[in-house]
């Protein structure tokens, strides 16, 4: 998918209704699942944030 919204490839395959949607794809790209940085994440620094989220949305004990 990157070639179409980063390098402008495959334009000849788009229909007119695709073009406005492509702008949304470009905007959303910054939030995709893959990091855009080479730096490593500080797992210990992030842990409290995610533990708080888990405590808010999950019960203390899960029933498996």
Protein backbone atom coordinates (compact mmCIF):
# COMPACT_ATOMS: atom_id res chain seq x y z
CA UNK A 1 0.00 0.00 0.00
CA UNK A 2 2.92 2.38 0.61
CA UNK A 3 3.75 2.90 -3.07
CA UNK A 4 0.37 4.43 -3.80
CA UNK A 5 0.28 6.95 -0.97
CA UNK A 6 3.98 7.68 -0.57
CA UNK A 7 5.39 7.56 -4.08
CA UNK A 8 2.23 8.15 -6.10
CA UNK A 9 2.43 4.81 -7.93
CA UNK A 10 -0.63 3.05 -9.37
CA UNK A 11 -2.48 6.30 -10.10
CA UNK A 12 -3.72 4.77 -13.33
CA UNK A 13 -5.62 2.14 -11.33
CA UNK A 14 -7.63 4.64 -9.27
CA UNK A 15 -11.21 5.56 -10.00
CA UNK A 16 -12.40 9.10 -9.30
CA UNK A 17 -13.94 8.19 -5.93
CA UNK A 18 -10.58 6.76 -4.77
CA UNK A 19 -8.80 10.09 -4.98
CA UNK A 20 -10.48 11.83 -2.02
CA UNK A 21 -10.06 8.66 0.05
CA UNK A 22 -6.34 8.62 -0.66
CA UNK A 23 -5.99 11.84 1.33
CA UNK A 24 -7.50 10.05 4.33
CA UNK A 25 -5.07 7.17 3.85
CA UNK A 26 -2.16 9.63 3.88
CA UNK A 27 -3.46 11.23 7.10
CA UNK A 28 -4.04 7.87 8.77
CA UNK A 29 -0.59 6.58 7.78
CA UNK A 30 1.05 8.34 10.72
CA UNK A 31 -1.04 6.20 13.09
CA UNK A 32 -0.41 2.78 11.60
CA UNK A 33 0.93 -0.14 13.61
CA UNK A 34 4.53 0.15 12.50
CA UNK A 35 6.86 2.63 14.11
CA UNK A 36 8.49 5.24 11.93
CA UNK A 37 11.46 5.72 14.27
CA UNK A 38 14.71 3.86 14.73
CA UNK A 39 14.88 4.60 18.46
CA UNK A 40 13.93 1.84 20.88
CA UNK A 41 10.90 2.27 23.10
CA UNK A 42 11.37 2.77 26.84
CA UNK A 43 9.33 -0.24 27.98
CA UNK A 44 9.82 0.46 31.69
CA UNK A 45 8.71 4.05 31.19
CA UNK A 46 5.62 2.99 29.23
CA UNK A 47 4.59 0.20 31.58
CA UNK A 48 2.70 2.38 34.12
CA UNK A 49 0.61 3.95 31.36
CA UNK A 50 -0.45 0.61 29.93
CA UNK A 51 -0.98 -0.98 33.34
CA UNK A 52 -3.35 1.87 34.19
CA UNK A 53 -5.30 1.28 30.97
CA UNK A 54 -5.53 -2.43 31.69
CA UNK A 55 -6.74 -1.75 35.25
CA UNK A 56 -9.40 0.61 33.92
CA UNK A 57 -10.84 -1.71 31.27
CA UNK A 58 -10.21 -5.23 32.61
CA UNK A 59 -11.20 -6.90 35.87
CA UNK A 60 -8.46 -7.64 38.39
CA UNK A 61 -8.85 -11.36 37.73
CA UNK A 62 -9.70 -12.78 34.33
CA UNK A 63 -11.91 -15.85 34.00
CA UNK A 64 -10.33 -18.20 31.46
